[in-house]
Amino acid sequence: MTPYDSVLAIAKVFLGPAAESFLLKQCQVALKTEPAKITKAHIKDLAMSVEIAACRFIDRAKAESMAKQILALA
C-alpha cells in the first residue's frame, strides 16, 4: 500500500466519498505534487494541511483526529 493509499483510507472514514477529491486538492495546493508522488516525507505537512482544510467540512475534533491518524503514518 502506498503512503497515499494509507492516507486515503483514513480520510474516507471521516469524509466518505469526498475524500479522494479533497486529498487531490490538498496534495496539489499544499504540497505542490500529485497524490501518486506522496512519500512518507510529505506526511507531516499533509496532516497539517488536511487538519486546517477539513475544519471547513467537519468539526474540529474530527479534523484533529484525522490529522493525528495521518501523522501516525510518518
PDB file of N, CA and C in Angstrom:
ATOM      1  N   MET A   1       0.845  -1.178   0.000  1.00  0.00           N
ATOM      2  CA  MET A   1       0.000   0.000   0.000  1.00  0.00           C
ATOM      3  C   MET A   1       0.892   1.243   0.000  1.00  0.00           C
ATOM      4  N   THR A   2       0.603   2.177  -0.871  1.00  0.00           N
ATOM      5  CA  THR A   2       1.394   3.403  -0.954  1.00  0.00           C
ATOM      6  C   THR A   2       1.013   4.348   0.191  1.00  0.00           C
ATOM      7  N   PRO A   3       1.874   5.325   0.484  1.00  0.00           N
ATOM      8  CA  PRO A   3       1.511   6.303   1.518  1.00  0.00           C
ATOM      9  C   PRO A   3       0.184   6.998   1.206  1.00  0.00           C
ATOM     10  N   TYR A   4      -0.034   7.318  -0.071  1.00  0.00           N
ATOM     11  CA  TYR A   4      -1.290   7.982  -0.440  1.00  0.00           C
ATOM     12  C   TYR A   4      -2.483   7.064  -0.162  1.00  0.00           C
ATOM     13  N   ASP A   5      -2.373   5.791  -0.495  1.00  0.00           N
ATOM     14  CA  ASP A   5      -3.470   4.856  -0.252  1.00  0.00           C
ATOM     15  C   ASP A   5      -3.801   4.781   1.240  1.00  0.00           C
ATOM     16  N   SER A   6      -2.782   4.821   2.071  1.00  0.00           N
ATOM     17  CA  SER A   6      -2.989   4.786   3.516  1.00  0.00           C
ATOM     18  C   SER A   6      -3.700   6.050   3.997  1.00  0.00           C
ATOM     19  N   VAL A   7      -3.272   7.193   3.493  1.00  0.00           N
ATOM     20  CA  VAL A   7      -3.914   8.467   3.853  1.00  0.00           C
ATOM     21  C   VAL A   7      -5.363   8.468   3.358  1.00  0.00           C
ATOM     22  N   LEU A   8      -5.580   7.998   2.149  1.00  0.00           N
ATOM     23  CA  LEU A   8      -6.924   7.966   1.582  1.00  0.00           C
ATOM     24  C   LEU A   8      -7.848   7.085   2.413  1.00  0.00           C
ATOM     25  N   ALA A   9      -7.366   5.961   2.862  1.00  0.00           N
ATOM     26  CA  ALA A   9      -8.180   5.068   3.690  1.00  0.00           C
ATOM     27  C   ALA A   9      -8.634   5.771   4.967  1.00  0.00           C
ATOM     28  N   ILE A  10      -7.747   6.526   5.569  1.00  0.00           N
ATOM     29  CA  ILE A  10      -8.098   7.282   6.779  1.00  0.00           C
ATOM     30  C   ILE A  10      -9.100   8.372   6.439  1.00  0.00           C
ATOM     31  N   ALA A  11      -8.836   9.123   5.394  1.00  0.00           N
ATOM     32  CA  ALA A  11      -9.710  10.234   5.020  1.00  0.00           C
ATOM     33  C   ALA A  11     -11.120   9.760   4.668  1.00  0.00           C
ATOM     34  N   LYS A  12     -11.238   8.594   4.070  1.00  0.00           N
ATOM     35  CA  LYS A  12     -12.568   8.075   3.703  1.00  0.00           C
ATOM     36  C   LYS A  12     -13.437   7.837   4.929  1.00  0.00           C
ATOM     37  N   VAL A  13     -12.825   7.474   6.041  1.00  0.00           N
ATOM     38  CA  VAL A  13     -13.587   7.267   7.278  1.00  0.00           C
ATOM     39  C   VAL A  13     -14.247   8.576   7.714  1.00  0.00           C
ATOM     40  N   PHE A  14     -13.556   9.671   7.544  1.00  0.00           N
ATOM     41  CA  PHE A  14     -14.041  10.975   8.007  1.00  0.00           C
ATOM     42  C   PHE A  14     -14.821  11.744   6.941  1.00  0.00           C
ATOM     43  N   LEU A  15     -14.437  11.577   5.678  1.00  0.00           N
ATOM     44  CA  LEU A  15     -15.015  12.401   4.614  1.00  0.00           C
ATOM     45  C   LEU A  15     -15.852  11.630   3.600  1.00  0.00           C
ATOM     46  N   GLY A  16     -15.869  10.315   3.740  1.00  0.00           N
ATOM     47  CA  GLY A  16     -16.657   9.500   2.810  1.00  0.00           C
ATOM     48  C   GLY A  16     -16.172   9.641   1.380  1.00  0.00           C
ATOM     49  N   PRO A  17     -17.098   9.673   0.438  1.00  0.00           N
ATOM     50  CA  PRO A  17     -16.719   9.715  -0.973  1.00  0.00           C
ATOM     51  C   PRO A  17     -16.009  11.015  -1.395  1.00  0.00           C
ATOM     52  N   ALA A  18     -16.075  12.032  -0.574  1.00  0.00           N
ATOM     53  CA  ALA A  18     -15.397  13.293  -0.896  1.00  0.00           C
ATOM     54  C   ALA A  18     -13.899  13.236  -0.609  1.00  0.00           C
ATOM     55  N   ALA A  19     -13.445  12.181   0.048  1.00  0.00           N
ATOM     56  CA  ALA A  19     -12.050  12.093   0.475  1.00  0.00           C
ATOM     57  C   ALA A  19     -11.061  12.191  -0.678  1.00  0.00           C
ATOM     58  N   GLU A  20     -11.337  11.505  -1.766  1.00  0.00           N
ATOM     59  CA  GLU A  20     -10.380  11.486  -2.869  1.00  0.00           C
ATOM     60  C   GLU A  20     -10.187  12.868  -3.483  1.00  0.00           C
ATOM     61  N   SER A  21     -11.273  13.578  -3.767  1.00  0.00           N
ATOM     62  CA  SER A  21     -11.125  14.918  -4.356  1.00  0.00           C
ATOM     63  C   SER A  21     -10.526  15.893  -3.351  1.00  0.00           C
ATOM     64  N   PHE A  22     -10.868  15.738  -2.072  1.00  0.00           N
ATOM     65  CA  PHE A  22     -10.297  16.578  -1.025  1.00  0.00           C
ATOM     66  C   PHE A  22      -8.780  16.404  -0.953  1.00  0.00           C
ATOM     67  N   LEU A  23      -8.322  15.155  -0.936  1.00  0.00           N
ATOM     68  CA  LEU A  23      -6.877  14.900  -0.854  1.00  0.00           C
ATOM     69  C   LEU A  23      -6.150  15.333  -2.118  1.00  0.00           C
ATOM     70  N   LEU A  24      -6.775  15.166  -3.257  1.00  0.00           N
ATOM     71  CA  LEU A  24      -6.166  15.633  -4.503  1.00  0.00           C
ATOM     72  C   LEU A  24      -5.865  17.121  -4.410  1.00  0.00           C
ATOM     73  N   LYS A  25      -6.845  17.872  -3.948  1.00  0.00           N
ATOM     74  CA  LYS A  25      -6.673  19.324  -3.809  1.00  0.00           C
ATOM     75  C   LYS A  25      -5.573  19.649  -2.797  1.00  0.00           C
ATOM     76  N   GLN A  26      -5.545  18.946  -1.664  1.00  0.00           N
ATOM     77  CA  GLN A  26      -4.524  19.207  -0.648  1.00  0.00           C
ATOM     78  C   GLN A  26      -3.128  18.893  -1.179  1.00  0.00           C
ATOM     79  N   CYS A  27      -3.001  17.810  -1.906  1.00  0.00           N
ATOM     80  CA  CYS A  27      -1.701  17.457  -2.471  1.00  0.00           C
ATOM     81  C   CYS A  27      -1.237  18.499  -3.479  1.00  0.00           C
ATOM     82  N   GLN A  28      -2.139  18.920  -4.336  1.00  0.00           N
ATOM     83  CA  GLN A  28      -1.775  19.880  -5.384  1.00  0.00           C
ATOM     84  C   GLN A  28      -1.480  21.263  -4.817  1.00  0.00           C
ATOM     85  N   VAL A  29      -2.302  21.719  -3.896  1.00  0.00           N
ATOM     86  CA  VAL A  29      -2.162  23.090  -3.380  1.00  0.00           C
ATOM     87  C   VAL A  29      -1.106  23.178  -2.271  1.00  0.00           C
ATOM     88  N   ALA A  30      -1.230  22.332  -1.262  1.00  0.00           N
ATOM     89  CA  ALA A  30      -0.343  22.436  -0.101  1.00  0.00           C
ATOM     90  C   ALA A  30       1.039  21.847  -0.354  1.00  0.00           C
ATOM     91  N   LEU A  31       1.081  20.734  -1.072  1.00  0.00           N
ATOM     92  CA  LEU A  31       2.359  20.054  -1.278  1.00  0.00           C
ATOM     93  C   LEU A  31       2.955  20.274  -2.660  1.00  0.00           C
ATOM     94  N   LYS A  32       2.171  20.830  -3.552  1.00  0.00           N
ATOM     95  CA  LYS A  32       2.625  21.092  -4.930  1.00  0.00           C
ATOM     96  C   LYS A  32       3.085  19.799  -5.622  1.00  0.00           C
ATOM     97  N   THR A  33       2.337  18.729  -5.398  1.00  0.00           N
ATOM     98  CA  THR A  33       2.666  17.443  -6.013  1.00  0.00           C
ATOM     99  C   THR A  33       1.379  16.666  -6.272  1.00  0.00           C
ATOM    100  N   GLU A  34       1.509  15.610  -7.016  1.00  0.00           N
ATOM    101  CA  GLU A  34       0.376  14.744  -7.304  1.00  0.00           C
ATOM    102  C   GLU A  34       0.298  13.639  -6.249  1.00  0.00           C
ATOM    103  N   PRO A  35      -0.901  13.145  -5.981  1.00  0.00           N
ATOM    104  CA  PRO A  35      -1.057  12.107  -4.960  1.00  0.00           C
ATOM    105  C   PRO A  35      -0.152  10.892  -5.154  1.00  0.00           C
ATOM    106  N   ALA A  36       0.053  10.471  -6.371  1.00  0.00           N
ATOM    107  CA  ALA A  36       0.886   9.287  -6.631  1.00  0.00           C
ATOM    108  C   ALA A  36       2.341   9.499  -6.225  1.00  0.00           C
ATOM    109  N   LYS A  37       2.750  10.734  -6.065  1.00  0.00           N
ATOM    110  CA  LYS A  37       4.138  11.044  -5.728  1.00  0.00           C
ATOM    111  C   LYS A  37       4.348  11.297  -4.233  1.00  0.00           C
ATOM    112  N   ILE A  38       3.311  11.121  -3.436  1.00  0.00           N
ATOM    113  CA  ILE A  38       3.415  11.341  -1.998  1.00  0.00           C
ATOM    114  C   ILE A  38       4.325  10.280  -1.377  1.00  0.00           C
ATOM    115  N   THR A  39       5.219  10.740  -0.521  1.00  0.00           N
ATOM    116  CA  THR A  39       6.102   9.829   0.217  1.00  0.00           C
ATOM    117  C   THR A  39       5.892  10.064   1.714  1.00  0.00           C
ATOM    118  N   LYS A  40       6.542   9.251   2.517  1.00  0.00           N
ATOM    119  CA  LYS A  40       6.437   9.434   3.969  1.00  0.00           C
ATOM    120  C   LYS A  40       6.970  10.806   4.392  1.00  0.00           C
ATOM    121  N   ALA A  41       7.868  11.355   3.614  1.00  0.00           N
ATOM    122  CA  ALA A  41       8.413  12.678   3.928  1.00  0.00           C
ATOM    123  C   ALA A  41       7.348  13.776   3.825  1.00  0.00           C
ATOM    124  N   HIS A  42       6.283  13.539   3.083  1.00  0.00           N
ATOM    125  CA  HIS A  42       5.202  14.516   2.915  1.00  0.00           C
ATOM    126  C   HIS A  42       4.142  14.423   4.007  1.00  0.00           C
ATOM    127  N   ILE A  43       4.134  13.350   4.765  1.00  0.00           N
ATOM    128  CA  ILE A  43       3.026  13.060   5.672  1.00  0.00           C
ATOM    129  C   ILE A  43       2.794  14.160   6.701  1.00  0.00           C
ATOM    130  N   LYS A  44       3.835  14.672   7.313  1.00  0.00           N
ATOM    131  CA  LYS A  44       3.664  15.709   8.348  1.00  0.00           C
ATOM    132  C   LYS A  44       2.985  16.949   7.765  1.00  0.00           C
ATOM    133  N   ASP A  45       3.481  17.436   6.634  1.00  0.00           N
ATOM    134  CA  ASP A  45       2.890  18.622   6.011  1.00  0.00           C
ATOM    135  C   ASP A  45       1.465  18.350   5.541  1.00  0.00           C
ATOM    136  N   LEU A  46       1.240  17.159   5.014  1.00  0.00           N
ATOM    137  CA  LEU A  46      -0.100  16.815   4.550  1.00  0.00           C
ATOM    138  C   LEU A  46      -1.072  16.749   5.721  1.00  0.00           C
ATOM    139  N   ALA A  47      -0.659  16.172   6.828  1.00  0.00           N
ATOM    140  CA  ALA A  47      -1.523  16.082   8.006  1.00  0.00           C
ATOM    141  C   ALA A  47      -1.922  17.467   8.503  1.00  0.00           C
ATOM    142  N   MET A  48      -0.982  18.389   8.544  1.00  0.00           N
ATOM    143  CA  MET A  48      -1.282  19.754   8.996  1.00  0.00           C
ATOM    144  C   MET A  48      -2.249  20.440   8.031  1.00  0.00           C
ATOM    145  N   SER A  49      -2.013  20.280   6.755  1.00  0.00           N
ATOM    146  CA  SER A  49      -2.869  20.886   5.745  1.00  0.00           C
ATOM    147  C   SER A  49      -4.283  20.311   5.799  1.00  0.00           C
ATOM    148  N   VAL A  50      -4.361  19.002   5.933  1.00  0.00           N
ATOM    149  CA  VAL A  50      -5.659  18.330   5.996  1.00  0.00           C
ATOM    150  C   VAL A  50      -6.452  18.804   7.216  1.00  0.00           C
ATOM    151  N   GLU A  51      -5.791  18.930   8.339  1.00  0.00           N
ATOM    152  CA  GLU A  51      -6.494  19.371   9.553  1.00  0.00           C
ATOM    153  C   GLU A  51      -7.107  20.753   9.365  1.00  0.00           C
ATOM    154  N   ILE A  52      -6.340  21.665   8.836  1.00  0.00           N
ATOM    155  CA  ILE A  52      -6.827  23.032   8.640  1.00  0.00           C
ATOM    156  C   ILE A  52      -7.980  23.065   7.643  1.00  0.00           C
ATOM    157  N   ALA A  53      -7.805  22.409   6.514  1.00  0.00           N
ATOM    158  CA  ALA A  53      -8.815  22.446   5.455  1.00  0.00           C
ATOM    159  C   ALA A  53     -10.081  21.675   5.844  1.00  0.00           C
ATOM    160  N   ALA A  54      -9.927  20.575   6.555  1.00  0.00           N
ATOM    161  CA  ALA A  54     -11.087  19.749   6.901  1.00  0.00           C
ATOM    162  C   ALA A  54     -12.021  20.444   7.885  1.00  0.00           C
ATOM    163  N   CYS A  55     -11.514  21.397   8.636  1.00  0.00           N
ATOM    164  CA  CYS A  55     -12.365  22.124   9.591  1.00  0.00           C
ATOM    165  C   CYS A  55     -13.499  22.870   8.894  1.00  0.00           C
ATOM    166  N   ARG A  56     -13.365  23.082   7.603  1.00  0.00           N
ATOM    167  CA  ARG A  56     -14.443  23.738   6.853  1.00  0.00           C
ATOM    168  C   ARG A  56     -15.610  22.786   6.601  1.00  0.00           C
ATOM    169  N   PHE A  57     -15.370  21.476   6.699  1.00  0.00           N
ATOM    170  CA  PHE A  57     -16.376  20.490   6.334  1.00  0.00           C
ATOM    171  C   PHE A  57     -16.836  19.620   7.503  1.00  0.00           C
ATOM    172  N   ILE A  58     -15.937  19.396   8.461  1.00  0.00           N
ATOM    173  CA  ILE A  58     -16.271  18.571   9.622  1.00  0.00           C
ATOM    174  C   ILE A  58     -15.845  19.329  10.872  1.00  0.00           C
ATOM    175  N   ASP A  59     -16.330  18.895  12.021  1.00  0.00           N
ATOM    176  CA  ASP A  59     -15.976  19.645  13.236  1.00  0.00           C
ATOM    177  C   ASP A  59     -14.497  19.467  13.588  1.00  0.00           C
ATOM    178  N   ARG A  60     -14.015  20.394  14.378  1.00  0.00           N
ATOM    179  CA  ARG A  60     -12.584  20.464  14.692  1.00  0.00           C
ATOM    180  C   ARG A  60     -12.062  19.172  15.315  1.00  0.00           C
ATOM    181  N   ALA A  61     -12.806  18.571  16.218  1.00  0.00           N
ATOM    182  CA  ALA A  61     -12.342  17.351  16.887  1.00  0.00           C
ATOM    183  C   ALA A  61     -12.117  16.225  15.879  1.00  0.00           C
ATOM    184  N   LYS A  62     -13.014  16.101  14.914  1.00  0.00           N
ATOM    185  CA  LYS A  62     -12.861  15.068  13.882  1.00  0.00           C
ATOM    186  C   LYS A  62     -11.687  15.390  12.969  1.00  0.00           C
ATOM    187  N   ALA A  63     -11.518  16.659  12.631  1.00  0.00           N
ATOM    188  CA  ALA A  63     -10.389  17.065  11.787  1.00  0.00           C
ATOM    189  C   ALA A  63      -9.061  16.780  12.492  1.00  0.00           C
ATOM    190  N   GLU A  64      -9.011  17.062  13.784  1.00  0.00           N
ATOM    191  CA  GLU A  64      -7.800  16.785  14.563  1.00  0.00           C
ATOM    192  C   GLU A  64      -7.520  15.288  14.633  1.00  0.00           C
ATOM    193  N   SER A  65      -8.560  14.512  14.819  1.00  0.00           N
ATOM    194  CA  SER A  65      -8.410  13.061  14.889  1.00  0.00           C
ATOM    195  C   SER A  65      -7.895  12.507  13.558  1.00  0.00           C
ATOM    196  N   MET A  66      -8.453  12.995  12.470  1.00  0.00           N
ATOM    197  CA  MET A  66      -7.996  12.551  11.147  1.00  0.00           C
ATOM    198  C   MET A  66      -6.529  12.914  10.955  1.00  0.00           C
ATOM    199  N   ALA A  67      -6.145  14.120  11.307  1.00  0.00           N
ATOM    200  CA  ALA A  67      -4.766  14.564  11.157  1.00  0.00           C
ATOM    201  C   ALA A  67      -3.812  13.726  12.004  1.00  0.00           C
ATOM    202  N   LYS A  68      -4.212  13.391  13.221  1.00  0.00           N
ATOM    203  CA  LYS A  68      -3.365  12.564  14.091  1.00  0.00           C
ATOM    204  C   LYS A  68      -3.170  11.171  13.507  1.00  0.00           C
ATOM    205  N   GLN A  69      -4.215  10.614  12.939  1.00  0.00           N
ATOM    206  CA  GLN A  69      -4.091   9.289  12.333  1.00  0.00           C
ATOM    207  C   GLN A  69      -3.187   9.327  11.107  1.00  0.00           C
ATOM    208  N   ILE A  70      -3.292  10.394  10.333  1.00  0.00           N
ATOM    209  CA  ILE A  70      -2.423  10.549   9.161  1.00  0.00           C
ATOM    210  C   ILE A  70      -0.980  10.730   9.616  1.00  0.00           C
ATOM    211  N   LEU A  71      -0.770  11.557  10.622  1.00  0.00           N
ATOM    212  CA  LEU A  71       0.571  11.805  11.138  1.00  0.00           C
ATOM    213  C   LEU A  71       1.229  10.531  11.655  1.00  0.00           C
ATOM    214  N   ALA A  72       0.441   9.629  12.180  1.00  0.00           N
ATOM    215  CA  ALA A  72       0.964   8.364  12.697  1.00  0.00           C
ATOM    216  C   ALA A  72       1.556   7.492  11.590  1.00  0.00           C
ATOM    217  N   LEU A  73       1.269   7.805  10.342  1.00  0.00           N
ATOM    218  CA  LEU A  73       1.813   7.052   9.208  1.00  0.00           C
ATOM    219  C   LEU A  73       3.275   7.420   8.927  1.00  0.00           C
ATOM    220  N   ALA A  74       3.714   8.553   9.465  1.00  0.00           N
ATOM    221  CA  ALA A  74       5.074   9.038   9.179  1.00  0.00           C
ATOM    222  C   ALA A  74       6.140   8.179   9.822  1.00  0.00           C
TER     223      ALA A  74
END
